[in-house]
Amino acid sequence: MSVLVLGLVAFLGVHSVRIFAEPWRTRQIARMGEKRWKSLYSVASAVGLVLIVWGYGIARREPVVLWVRPVWAPHLAALLTLVAFILFPAAHIPGNHFKAWVKHPMVVGVGLWALAHLVANGTLNAVVLFGAFLVWAVVDFAAARRRDLVLGVVYPDGALDKDLMAVAGGVVFWAVFVFLLHGWLIGVRPLG
């Protein structure tokens, strides 16, 4: 479990710099340049992600069961992850209603993804992994909304064609991941 926790600290720590140390981040970008900052950020994120995957794999060998998942849990998880997979591209497609409505669709998507996996898994390692991501998403969303208010950010109304792009991309990627990649990469077929 220690490798998993170390990975979470590294990955979520890097992704929390803007939440907790925005002035320091700004100074570092000014000092080293945006390209170098992004390079170091990417390397630290990748190391954290590798440690998370490795640590979760180790922890799955001897799971500590906290609860037995309900029969309906995989179906709720599938629905929540579908919405999350739609929000992921919505974060990068300008001019869609999702961005206008939720303001930070990527962070909300991460939160829904984490919640879905908490519902569908009752092991200690799952609670540590997905609970950490859920807490991070809630804290990051609150910080991003505060930043928006301070800066006076207004999200423009969306257009239907941009919404359809986000929905189509999200649904296709969700289907490929759920029915093909999840079983191959994670070793679990979410819908049987």
N, C-alpha and C. Protein backbone atom coordinates (compact mmCIF):
# COMPACT_ATOMS: atom_id res chain seq x y z
N MET A 1 0.83 -1.20 0.00
CA MET A 1 0.00 0.00 0.00
C MET A 1 0.87 1.26 0.00
N SER A 2 2.09 1.15 0.51
CA SER A 2 2.95 2.32 0.60
C SER A 2 3.34 2.86 -0.78
N VAL A 3 3.54 1.96 -1.76
CA VAL A 3 3.87 2.42 -3.12
C VAL A 3 2.68 3.18 -3.71
N LEU A 4 1.48 2.68 -3.48
CA LEU A 4 0.27 3.36 -3.96
C LEU A 4 0.16 4.75 -3.34
N VAL A 5 0.34 4.84 -2.04
CA VAL A 5 0.24 6.13 -1.34
C VAL A 5 1.32 7.09 -1.84
N LEU A 6 2.55 6.59 -2.02
CA LEU A 6 3.62 7.42 -2.54
C LEU A 6 3.27 7.96 -3.93
N GLY A 7 2.72 7.10 -4.78
CA GLY A 7 2.29 7.53 -6.12
C GLY A 7 1.21 8.58 -6.07
N LEU A 8 0.25 8.39 -5.16
CA LEU A 8 -0.83 9.37 -5.01
C LEU A 8 -0.29 10.72 -4.53
N VAL A 9 0.63 10.67 -3.58
CA VAL A 9 1.23 11.91 -3.08
C VAL A 9 1.95 12.64 -4.22
N ALA A 10 2.72 11.87 -5.01
CA ALA A 10 3.46 12.49 -6.12
C ALA A 10 2.51 13.04 -7.18
N PHE A 11 1.58 12.21 -7.65
CA PHE A 11 0.69 12.60 -8.74
C PHE A 11 -0.27 13.71 -8.33
N LEU A 12 -0.98 13.49 -7.23
CA LEU A 12 -1.94 14.51 -6.80
C LEU A 12 -1.24 15.73 -6.22
N GLY A 13 -0.05 15.53 -5.66
CA GLY A 13 0.72 16.67 -5.17
C GLY A 13 1.08 17.62 -6.30
N VAL A 14 1.59 17.06 -7.38
CA VAL A 14 1.93 17.88 -8.55
C VAL A 14 0.68 18.59 -9.07
N HIS A 15 -0.43 17.87 -9.10
CA HIS A 15 -1.67 18.45 -9.61
C HIS A 15 -2.35 19.39 -8.61
N SER A 16 -1.78 19.51 -7.41
CA SER A 16 -2.34 20.41 -6.40
C SER A 16 -1.53 21.68 -6.21
N VAL A 17 -0.43 21.82 -6.94
CA VAL A 17 0.41 23.02 -6.78
C VAL A 17 -0.40 24.28 -7.04
N ARG A 18 -1.22 24.27 -8.06
CA ARG A 18 -2.01 25.47 -8.36
C ARG A 18 -3.05 25.74 -7.28
N ILE A 19 -3.51 24.70 -6.61
CA ILE A 19 -4.50 24.87 -5.55
C ILE A 19 -3.88 25.54 -4.33
N PHE A 20 -2.71 25.04 -3.93
CA PHE A 20 -2.14 25.45 -2.66
C PHE A 20 -0.94 26.39 -2.76
N ALA A 21 -0.35 26.50 -3.94
CA ALA A 21 0.87 27.31 -4.05
C ALA A 21 0.93 28.07 -5.37
N GLU A 22 -0.16 28.73 -5.71
CA GLU A 22 -0.24 29.47 -6.98
C GLU A 22 0.87 30.52 -7.13
N PRO A 23 1.16 31.32 -6.09
CA PRO A 23 2.24 32.31 -6.26
C PRO A 23 3.61 31.65 -6.52
N TRP A 24 3.90 30.57 -5.80
CA TRP A 24 5.15 29.84 -6.02
C TRP A 24 5.21 29.29 -7.44
N ARG A 25 4.10 28.72 -7.90
CA ARG A 25 4.02 28.18 -9.26
C ARG A 25 4.31 29.28 -10.28
N THR A 26 3.70 30.43 -10.10
CA THR A 26 3.90 31.55 -11.01
C THR A 26 5.36 31.98 -11.04
N ARG A 27 5.98 32.04 -9.87
CA ARG A 27 7.40 32.41 -9.81
C ARG A 27 8.28 31.37 -10.51
N GLN A 28 7.97 30.10 -10.33
CA GLN A 28 8.77 29.04 -10.96
C GLN A 28 8.65 29.09 -12.48
N ILE A 29 7.46 29.32 -12.97
CA ILE A 29 7.25 29.42 -14.42
C ILE A 29 8.03 30.62 -14.96
N ALA A 30 7.99 31.74 -14.25
CA ALA A 30 8.73 32.93 -14.68
C ALA A 30 10.24 32.67 -14.64
N ARG A 31 10.70 31.94 -13.64
CA ARG A 31 12.13 31.69 -13.47
C ARG A 31 12.66 30.71 -14.50
N MET A 32 11.94 29.62 -14.74
CA MET A 32 12.48 28.56 -15.61
C MET A 32 11.85 28.53 -16.99
N GLY A 33 10.78 29.24 -17.19
CA GLY A 33 10.08 29.22 -18.46
C GLY A 33 8.97 28.18 -18.48
N GLU A 34 7.95 28.46 -19.26
CA GLU A 34 6.78 27.58 -19.28
C GLU A 34 7.11 26.19 -19.82
N LYS A 35 7.95 26.14 -20.83
CA LYS A 35 8.28 24.84 -21.44
C LYS A 35 9.00 23.92 -20.44
N ARG A 36 9.97 24.46 -19.73
CA ARG A 36 10.70 23.65 -18.75
C ARG A 36 9.78 23.26 -17.59
N TRP A 37 8.93 24.20 -17.14
CA TRP A 37 7.98 23.90 -16.07
C TRP A 37 7.07 22.74 -16.48
N LYS A 38 6.53 22.82 -17.68
CA LYS A 38 5.63 21.76 -18.15
C LYS A 38 6.36 20.43 -18.30
N SER A 39 7.62 20.48 -18.70
CA SER A 39 8.41 19.25 -18.81
C SER A 39 8.60 18.59 -17.44
N LEU A 40 9.01 19.38 -16.46
CA LEU A 40 9.19 18.84 -15.11
C LEU A 40 7.87 18.36 -14.51
N TYR A 41 6.82 19.11 -14.76
CA TYR A 41 5.48 18.75 -14.30
C TYR A 41 5.07 17.41 -14.90
N SER A 42 5.32 17.24 -16.19
CA SER A 42 4.95 16.00 -16.88
C SER A 42 5.75 14.81 -16.37
N VAL A 43 7.04 15.00 -16.14
CA VAL A 43 7.88 13.91 -15.63
C VAL A 43 7.41 13.50 -14.23
N ALA A 44 7.18 14.48 -13.36
CA ALA A 44 6.72 14.17 -12.00
C ALA A 44 5.36 13.49 -12.03
N SER A 45 4.47 13.94 -12.92
CA SER A 45 3.15 13.30 -13.06
C SER A 45 3.29 11.86 -13.53
N ALA A 46 4.15 11.63 -14.51
CA ALA A 46 4.35 10.28 -15.05
C ALA A 46 4.92 9.34 -13.98
N VAL A 47 5.88 9.83 -13.22
CA VAL A 47 6.45 9.01 -12.14
C VAL A 47 5.35 8.66 -11.13
N GLY A 48 4.56 9.65 -10.74
CA GLY A 48 3.45 9.41 -9.82
C GLY A 48 2.46 8.40 -10.37
N LEU A 49 2.13 8.52 -11.65
CA LEU A 49 1.17 7.60 -12.27
C LEU A 49 1.72 6.17 -12.30
N VAL A 50 2.98 6.02 -12.64
CA VAL A 50 3.60 4.69 -12.65
C VAL A 50 3.55 4.09 -11.24
N LEU A 51 3.87 4.88 -10.23
CA LEU A 51 3.82 4.39 -8.85
C LEU A 51 2.39 4.02 -8.44
N ILE A 52 1.40 4.79 -8.88
CA ILE A 52 0.00 4.47 -8.58
C ILE A 52 -0.38 3.13 -9.19
N VAL A 53 -0.08 2.95 -10.46
CA VAL A 53 -0.44 1.70 -11.14
C VAL A 53 0.27 0.51 -10.49
N TRP A 54 1.56 0.66 -10.26
CA TRP A 54 2.34 -0.41 -9.65
C TRP A 54 1.84 -0.70 -8.22
N GLY A 55 1.64 0.35 -7.44
CA GLY A 55 1.19 0.18 -6.06
C GLY A 55 -0.20 -0.42 -5.97
N TYR A 56 -1.09 -0.02 -6.87
CA TYR A 56 -2.44 -0.59 -6.87
C TYR A 56 -2.39 -2.07 -7.23
N GLY A 57 -1.54 -2.40 -8.20
CA GLY A 57 -1.37 -3.80 -8.58
C GLY A 57 -0.86 -4.65 -7.42
N ILE A 58 0.10 -4.11 -6.67
CA ILE A 58 0.63 -4.83 -5.50
C ILE A 58 -0.49 -5.01 -4.45
N ALA A 59 -1.23 -3.94 -4.19
CA ALA A 59 -2.28 -3.99 -3.17
C ALA A 59 -3.43 -4.92 -3.56
N ARG A 60 -3.66 -5.09 -4.86
CA ARG A 60 -4.74 -5.99 -5.31
C ARG A 60 -4.43 -7.45 -5.06
N ARG A 61 -3.15 -7.79 -4.85
CA ARG A 61 -2.78 -9.18 -4.61
C ARG A 61 -3.36 -9.74 -3.31
N GLU A 62 -3.45 -8.87 -2.30
CA GLU A 62 -4.00 -9.27 -1.00
C GLU A 62 -5.02 -8.22 -0.57
N PRO A 63 -6.20 -8.24 -1.19
CA PRO A 63 -7.19 -7.18 -0.90
C PRO A 63 -7.78 -7.30 0.50
N VAL A 64 -8.01 -6.15 1.09
CA VAL A 64 -8.72 -6.07 2.36
C VAL A 64 -10.13 -5.61 2.03
N VAL A 65 -11.11 -6.51 2.17
CA VAL A 65 -12.49 -6.21 1.80
C VAL A 65 -13.16 -5.43 2.93
N LEU A 66 -13.65 -4.25 2.60
CA LEU A 66 -14.36 -3.41 3.56
C LEU A 66 -15.87 -3.59 3.46
N TRP A 67 -16.37 -3.82 2.25
CA TRP A 67 -17.79 -4.10 2.04
C TRP A 67 -17.94 -4.86 0.73
N VAL A 68 -19.08 -5.56 0.64
CA VAL A 68 -19.41 -6.28 -0.58
C VAL A 68 -20.24 -5.33 -1.44
N ARG A 69 -19.82 -5.16 -2.69
CA ARG A 69 -20.52 -4.19 -3.52
C ARG A 69 -21.94 -4.67 -3.82
N PRO A 70 -22.87 -3.75 -3.86
CA PRO A 70 -24.26 -4.09 -4.19
C PRO A 70 -24.37 -4.56 -5.66
N VAL A 71 -25.41 -5.31 -5.97
CA VAL A 71 -25.62 -5.85 -7.30
C VAL A 71 -25.74 -4.72 -8.34
N TRP A 72 -26.33 -3.62 -7.96
CA TRP A 72 -26.57 -2.51 -8.90
C TRP A 72 -25.33 -1.63 -9.11
N ALA A 73 -24.30 -1.83 -8.31
CA ALA A 73 -23.13 -0.94 -8.34
C ALA A 73 -22.46 -0.85 -9.72
N PRO A 74 -22.22 -1.96 -10.42
CA PRO A 74 -21.57 -1.82 -11.73
C PRO A 74 -22.39 -1.00 -12.73
N HIS A 75 -23.70 -1.06 -12.63
CA HIS A 75 -24.56 -0.31 -13.56
C HIS A 75 -24.51 1.19 -13.25
N LEU A 76 -24.54 1.53 -11.96
CA LEU A 76 -24.40 2.94 -11.59
C LEU A 76 -23.01 3.45 -11.97
N ALA A 77 -22.00 2.62 -11.74
CA ALA A 77 -20.63 3.01 -12.09
C ALA A 77 -20.51 3.23 -13.60
N ALA A 78 -21.15 2.37 -14.38
CA ALA A 78 -21.11 2.52 -15.85
C ALA A 78 -21.73 3.85 -16.26
N LEU A 79 -22.85 4.20 -15.66
CA LEU A 79 -23.52 5.47 -15.98
C LEU A 79 -22.66 6.66 -15.57
N LEU A 80 -22.12 6.63 -14.37
CA LEU A 80 -21.28 7.74 -13.90
C LEU A 80 -20.02 7.89 -14.75
N THR A 81 -19.40 6.77 -15.13
CA THR A 81 -18.20 6.87 -15.95
C THR A 81 -18.55 7.33 -17.37
N LEU A 82 -19.72 6.99 -17.86
CA LEU A 82 -20.14 7.49 -19.17
C LEU A 82 -20.21 9.02 -19.14
N VAL A 83 -20.83 9.57 -18.12
CA VAL A 83 -20.89 11.03 -17.99
C VAL A 83 -19.48 11.61 -17.86
N ALA A 84 -18.63 10.95 -17.07
CA ALA A 84 -17.25 11.41 -16.91
C ALA A 84 -16.52 11.42 -18.24
N PHE A 85 -16.69 10.38 -19.03
CA PHE A 85 -16.01 10.29 -20.33
C PHE A 85 -16.52 11.33 -21.31
N ILE A 86 -17.74 11.81 -21.14
CA ILE A 86 -18.25 12.90 -21.96
C ILE A 86 -17.65 14.23 -21.49
N LEU A 87 -17.48 14.37 -20.19
CA LEU A 87 -16.93 15.61 -19.65
C LEU A 87 -15.45 15.78 -19.98
N PHE A 88 -14.71 14.68 -20.13
CA PHE A 88 -13.28 14.79 -20.46
C PHE A 88 -13.05 15.54 -21.78
N PRO A 89 -13.66 15.13 -22.90
CA PRO A 89 -13.44 15.92 -24.12
C PRO A 89 -14.09 17.29 -24.05
N ALA A 90 -15.18 17.41 -23.28
CA ALA A 90 -15.85 18.71 -23.15
C ALA A 90 -14.90 19.76 -22.56
N ALA A 91 -13.94 19.32 -21.76
CA ALA A 91 -12.98 20.25 -21.18
C ALA A 91 -12.06 20.85 -22.24
N HIS A 92 -11.93 20.17 -23.38
CA HIS A 92 -10.97 20.60 -24.40
C HIS A 92 -11.63 21.11 -25.69
N ILE A 93 -12.94 21.02 -25.76
CA ILE A 93 -13.67 21.51 -26.94
C ILE A 93 -14.27 22.87 -26.58
N PRO A 94 -13.75 23.93 -27.17
CA PRO A 94 -14.29 25.25 -26.82
C PRO A 94 -15.73 25.43 -27.29
N GLY A 95 -16.48 26.20 -26.51
CA GLY A 95 -17.82 26.59 -26.92
C GLY A 95 -18.88 25.51 -26.76
N ASN A 96 -18.78 24.66 -25.73
CA ASN A 96 -19.84 23.67 -25.51
C ASN A 96 -20.60 24.02 -24.23
N HIS A 97 -21.82 23.50 -24.14
CA HIS A 97 -22.67 23.80 -22.98
C HIS A 97 -22.13 23.19 -21.69
N PHE A 98 -21.45 22.05 -21.78
CA PHE A 98 -20.93 21.40 -20.57
C PHE A 98 -19.98 22.34 -19.84
N LYS A 99 -19.13 22.99 -20.60
CA LYS A 99 -18.17 23.93 -19.99
C LYS A 99 -18.92 25.13 -19.41
N ALA A 100 -19.94 25.59 -20.11
CA ALA A 100 -20.73 26.73 -19.63
C ALA A 100 -21.48 26.36 -18.34
N TRP A 101 -21.95 25.11 -18.25
CA TRP A 101 -22.74 24.69 -17.09
C TRP A 101 -21.88 24.33 -15.89
N VAL A 102 -20.87 23.47 -16.08
CA VAL A 102 -20.12 22.98 -14.92
C VAL A 102 -18.80 23.72 -14.72
N LYS A 103 -18.39 24.56 -15.67
CA LYS A 103 -17.21 25.42 -15.61
C LYS A 103 -15.89 24.66 -15.75
N HIS A 104 -15.74 23.57 -15.06
CA HIS A 104 -14.49 22.79 -15.09
C HIS A 104 -14.83 21.31 -15.31
N PRO A 105 -15.21 20.96 -16.54
CA PRO A 105 -15.69 19.60 -16.80
C PRO A 105 -14.66 18.50 -16.55
N MET A 106 -13.39 18.76 -16.75
CA MET A 106 -12.38 17.72 -16.52
C MET A 106 -12.35 17.33 -15.04
N VAL A 107 -12.37 18.32 -14.17
CA VAL A 107 -12.31 18.04 -12.73
C VAL A 107 -13.58 17.34 -12.27
N VAL A 108 -14.73 17.79 -12.77
CA VAL A 108 -15.99 17.13 -12.42
C VAL A 108 -15.98 15.70 -12.95
N GLY A 109 -15.44 15.50 -14.15
CA GLY A 109 -15.33 14.15 -14.71
C GLY A 109 -14.46 13.24 -13.86
N VAL A 110 -13.34 13.76 -13.37
CA VAL A 110 -12.47 12.97 -12.50
C VAL A 110 -13.22 12.60 -11.22
N GLY A 111 -13.96 13.55 -10.67
CA GLY A 111 -14.74 13.28 -9.46
C GLY A 111 -15.79 12.20 -9.70
N LEU A 112 -16.50 12.27 -10.82
CA LEU A 112 -17.50 11.24 -11.13
C LEU A 112 -16.85 9.88 -11.37
N TRP A 113 -15.71 9.88 -12.06
CA TRP A 113 -14.97 8.63 -12.29
C TRP A 113 -14.57 8.00 -10.95
N ALA A 114 -14.06 8.81 -10.04
CA ALA A 114 -13.64 8.31 -8.73
C ALA A 114 -14.83 7.81 -7.93
N LEU A 115 -15.92 8.56 -7.92
CA LEU A 115 -17.13 8.15 -7.21
C LEU A 115 -17.66 6.83 -7.77
N ALA A 116 -17.69 6.71 -9.09
CA ALA A 116 -18.15 5.47 -9.72
C ALA A 116 -17.34 4.27 -9.25
N HIS A 117 -16.04 4.45 -9.17
CA HIS A 117 -15.19 3.34 -8.76
C HIS A 117 -15.27 3.06 -7.26
N LEU A 118 -15.56 4.07 -6.46
CA LEU A 118 -15.80 3.82 -5.03
C LEU A 118 -17.07 3.01 -4.83
N VAL A 119 -18.10 3.32 -5.60
CA VAL A 119 -19.36 2.58 -5.50
C VAL A 119 -19.17 1.12 -5.90
N ALA A 120 -18.35 0.89 -6.92
CA ALA A 120 -18.22 -0.45 -7.49
C ALA A 120 -17.13 -1.31 -6.84
N ASN A 121 -16.36 -0.75 -5.92
CA ASN A 121 -15.27 -1.49 -5.29
C ASN A 121 -15.33 -1.30 -3.78
N GLY A 122 -15.16 -2.38 -3.06
CA GLY A 122 -15.22 -2.29 -1.60
C GLY A 122 -13.94 -2.70 -0.91
N THR A 123 -12.81 -2.56 -1.58
CA THR A 123 -11.54 -2.94 -0.96
C THR A 123 -10.80 -1.71 -0.45
N LEU A 124 -9.91 -1.93 0.49
CA LEU A 124 -9.16 -0.83 1.08
C LEU A 124 -8.33 -0.10 0.03
N ASN A 125 -7.67 -0.84 -0.85
CA ASN A 125 -6.85 -0.18 -1.88
C ASN A 125 -7.70 0.68 -2.81
N ALA A 126 -8.92 0.24 -3.11
CA ALA A 126 -9.82 1.03 -3.96
C ALA A 126 -10.26 2.30 -3.24
N VAL A 127 -10.55 2.17 -1.94
CA VAL A 127 -10.96 3.34 -1.17
C VAL A 127 -9.82 4.36 -1.11
N VAL A 128 -8.59 3.87 -0.92
CA VAL A 128 -7.45 4.79 -0.87
C VAL A 128 -7.28 5.48 -2.22
N LEU A 129 -7.26 4.69 -3.30
CA LEU A 129 -7.04 5.26 -4.64
C LEU A 129 -8.16 6.20 -5.06
N PHE A 130 -9.37 5.68 -5.11
CA PHE A 130 -10.47 6.47 -5.65
C PHE A 130 -10.95 7.54 -4.66
N GLY A 131 -10.82 7.25 -3.37
CA GLY A 131 -11.14 8.27 -2.37
C GLY A 131 -10.21 9.47 -2.47
N ALA A 132 -8.92 9.20 -2.70
CA ALA A 132 -7.96 10.30 -2.85
C ALA A 132 -8.30 11.14 -4.07
N PHE A 133 -8.62 10.50 -5.18
CA PHE A 133 -8.97 11.26 -6.39
C PHE A 133 -10.27 12.04 -6.19
N LEU A 134 -11.24 11.46 -5.48
CA LEU A 134 -12.50 12.16 -5.25
C LEU A 134 -12.27 13.40 -4.37
N VAL A 135 -11.52 13.24 -3.30
CA VAL A 135 -11.23 14.39 -2.43
C VAL A 135 -10.47 15.46 -3.22
N TRP A 136 -9.47 15.03 -4.00
CA TRP A 136 -8.71 15.99 -4.80
C TRP A 136 -9.64 16.75 -5.76
N ALA A 137 -10.55 16.02 -6.42
CA ALA A 137 -11.45 16.66 -7.40
C ALA A 137 -12.34 17.70 -6.72
N VAL A 138 -12.86 17.39 -5.55
CA VAL A 138 -13.71 18.34 -4.83
C VAL A 138 -12.92 19.59 -4.45
N VAL A 139 -11.72 19.39 -3.91
CA VAL A 139 -10.88 20.52 -3.50
C VAL A 139 -10.45 21.34 -4.72
N ASP A 140 -10.05 20.66 -5.79
CA ASP A 140 -9.61 21.37 -6.99
C ASP A 140 -10.76 22.15 -7.63
N PHE A 141 -11.95 21.57 -7.66
CA PHE A 141 -13.11 22.27 -8.23
C PHE A 141 -13.40 23.54 -7.43
N ALA A 142 -13.39 23.42 -6.10
CA ALA A 142 -13.66 24.59 -5.25
C ALA A 142 -12.59 25.68 -5.48
N ALA A 143 -11.34 25.27 -5.57
CA ALA A 143 -10.26 26.23 -5.80
C ALA A 143 -10.39 26.89 -7.17
N ALA A 144 -10.73 26.12 -8.18
CA ALA A 144 -10.87 26.67 -9.54
C ALA A 144 -12.05 27.64 -9.61
N ARG A 145 -13.14 27.33 -8.94
CA ARG A 145 -14.29 28.25 -8.93
C ARG A 145 -13.95 29.55 -8.19
N ARG A 146 -13.19 29.43 -7.08
CA ARG A 146 -12.75 30.64 -6.37
C ARG A 146 -11.88 31.50 -7.28
N ARG A 147 -10.96 30.85 -8.01
CA ARG A 147 -10.09 31.56 -8.95
C ARG A 147 -10.94 32.25 -10.01
N ASP A 148 -11.94 31.57 -10.53
CA ASP A 148 -12.83 32.15 -11.54
C ASP A 148 -13.52 33.41 -11.00
N LEU A 149 -13.99 33.33 -9.76
CA LEU A 149 -14.69 34.48 -9.17
C LEU A 149 -13.74 35.66 -8.99
N VAL A 150 -12.54 35.39 -8.50
CA VAL A 150 -11.55 36.46 -8.30
C VAL A 150 -11.18 37.11 -9.62
N LEU A 151 -11.00 36.28 -10.66
CA LEU A 151 -10.57 36.79 -11.97
C LEU A 151 -11.74 37.27 -12.83
N GLY A 152 -12.98 37.03 -12.37
CA GLY A 152 -14.15 37.45 -13.13
C GLY A 152 -14.36 36.64 -14.41
N VAL A 153 -13.99 35.37 -14.37
CA VAL A 153 -14.12 34.51 -15.55
C VAL A 153 -15.59 34.24 -15.83
N VAL A 154 -15.98 34.45 -17.08
CA VAL A 154 -17.34 34.15 -17.53
C VAL A 154 -17.23 33.13 -18.65
N TYR A 155 -17.95 32.04 -18.51
CA TYR A 155 -17.92 30.99 -19.52
C TYR A 155 -19.02 31.26 -20.54
N PRO A 156 -18.65 31.35 -21.82
CA PRO A 156 -19.65 31.68 -22.85
C PRO A 156 -20.65 30.54 -23.03
N ASP A 157 -21.81 30.93 -23.56
CA ASP A 157 -22.83 29.92 -23.88
C ASP A 157 -22.25 28.94 -24.89
N GLY A 158 -22.78 27.73 -24.85
CA GLY A 158 -22.29 26.70 -25.74
C GLY A 158 -23.11 26.59 -27.00
N ALA A 159 -22.60 25.79 -27.93
CA ALA A 159 -23.29 25.52 -29.19
C ALA A 159 -23.54 24.02 -29.28
N LEU A 160 -24.68 23.67 -29.88
CA LEU A 160 -25.10 22.28 -29.96
C LEU A 160 -24.09 21.41 -30.70
N ASP A 161 -23.49 21.91 -31.78
CA ASP A 161 -22.53 21.09 -32.53
C ASP A 161 -21.31 20.74 -31.68
N LYS A 162 -20.89 21.65 -30.80
CA LYS A 162 -19.77 21.38 -29.89
C LYS A 162 -20.17 20.37 -28.82
N ASP A 163 -21.43 20.45 -28.37
CA ASP A 163 -21.93 19.47 -27.40
C ASP A 163 -21.92 18.07 -28.02
N LEU A 164 -22.38 17.99 -29.27
CA LEU A 164 -22.44 16.69 -29.95
C LEU A 164 -21.04 16.11 -30.15
N MET A 165 -20.06 16.97 -30.40
CA MET A 165 -18.69 16.49 -30.53
C MET A 165 -18.22 15.86 -29.21
N ALA A 166 -18.50 16.54 -28.09
CA ALA A 166 -18.08 16.03 -26.78
C ALA A 166 -18.81 14.73 -26.45
N VAL A 167 -20.11 14.68 -26.72
CA VAL A 167 -20.89 13.48 -26.44
C VAL A 167 -20.41 12.31 -27.30
N ALA A 168 -20.28 12.55 -28.60
CA ALA A 168 -19.85 11.47 -29.50
C ALA A 168 -18.46 10.95 -29.12
N GLY A 169 -17.53 11.86 -28.90
CA GLY A 169 -16.18 11.44 -28.52
C GLY A 169 -16.17 10.69 -27.20
N GLY A 170 -16.91 11.21 -26.23
CA GLY A 170 -16.96 10.57 -24.92
C GLY A 170 -17.60 9.20 -24.94
N VAL A 171 -18.71 9.07 -25.67
CA VAL A 171 -19.41 7.78 -25.74
C VAL A 171 -18.54 6.73 -26.45
N VAL A 172 -17.92 7.12 -27.54
CA VAL A 172 -17.07 6.17 -28.27
C VAL A 172 -15.90 5.72 -27.40
N PHE A 173 -15.21 6.67 -26.78
CA PHE A 173 -14.07 6.31 -25.95
C PHE A 173 -14.51 5.47 -24.76
N TRP A 174 -15.64 5.83 -24.14
CA TRP A 174 -16.20 5.05 -23.02
C TRP A 174 -16.47 3.62 -23.45
N ALA A 175 -17.14 3.43 -24.59
CA ALA A 175 -17.47 2.08 -25.05
C ALA A 175 -16.21 1.27 -25.33
N VAL A 176 -15.24 1.87 -25.99
CA VAL A 176 -13.99 1.16 -26.27
C VAL A 176 -13.30 0.79 -24.96
N PHE A 177 -13.28 1.72 -24.02
CA PHE A 177 -12.59 1.45 -22.76
C PHE A 177 -13.33 0.39 -21.95
N VAL A 178 -14.64 0.52 -21.81
CA VAL A 178 -15.41 -0.41 -20.97
C VAL A 178 -15.42 -1.82 -21.57
N PHE A 179 -15.65 -1.92 -22.86
CA PHE A 179 -15.84 -3.25 -23.45
C PHE A 179 -14.55 -3.90 -23.95
N LEU A 180 -13.48 -3.13 -24.16
CA LEU A 180 -12.24 -3.71 -24.65
C LEU A 180 -11.05 -3.47 -23.72
N LEU A 181 -10.75 -2.22 -23.45
CA LEU A 181 -9.50 -1.88 -22.78
C LEU A 181 -9.50 -2.14 -21.28
N HIS A 182 -10.62 -1.95 -20.58
CA HIS A 182 -10.65 -2.11 -19.13
C HIS A 182 -10.26 -3.53 -18.73
N GLY A 183 -10.83 -4.50 -19.38
CA GLY A 183 -10.48 -5.90 -19.07
C GLY A 183 -9.03 -6.21 -19.38
N TRP A 184 -8.55 -5.70 -20.50
CA TRP A 184 -7.17 -5.95 -20.92
C TRP A 184 -6.16 -5.24 -20.03
N LEU A 185 -6.41 -3.96 -19.72
CA LEU A 185 -5.47 -3.17 -18.93
C LEU A 185 -5.60 -3.41 -17.42
N ILE A 186 -6.83 -3.50 -16.94
CA ILE A 186 -7.07 -3.56 -15.50
C ILE A 186 -7.32 -4.99 -15.02
N GLY A 187 -7.76 -5.84 -15.93
CA GLY A 187 -8.04 -7.23 -15.54
C GLY A 187 -9.45 -7.44 -15.02
N VAL A 188 -10.31 -6.44 -15.19
CA VAL A 188 -11.70 -6.52 -14.72
C VAL A 188 -12.60 -6.08 -15.86
N ARG A 189 -13.62 -6.89 -16.16
CA ARG A 189 -14.63 -6.48 -17.15
C ARG A 189 -15.79 -5.87 -16.40
N PRO A 190 -15.95 -4.54 -16.48
CA PRO A 190 -16.94 -3.85 -15.65
C PRO A 190 -18.38 -4.31 -15.86
N LEU A 191 -18.74 -4.66 -17.07
CA LEU A 191 -20.13 -5.06 -17.33
C LEU A 191 -20.23 -6.54 -17.72
N GLY A 192 -19.30 -7.33 -17.23
CA GLY A 192 -19.36 -8.78 -17.42
C GLY A 192 -18.76 -9.31 -18.66
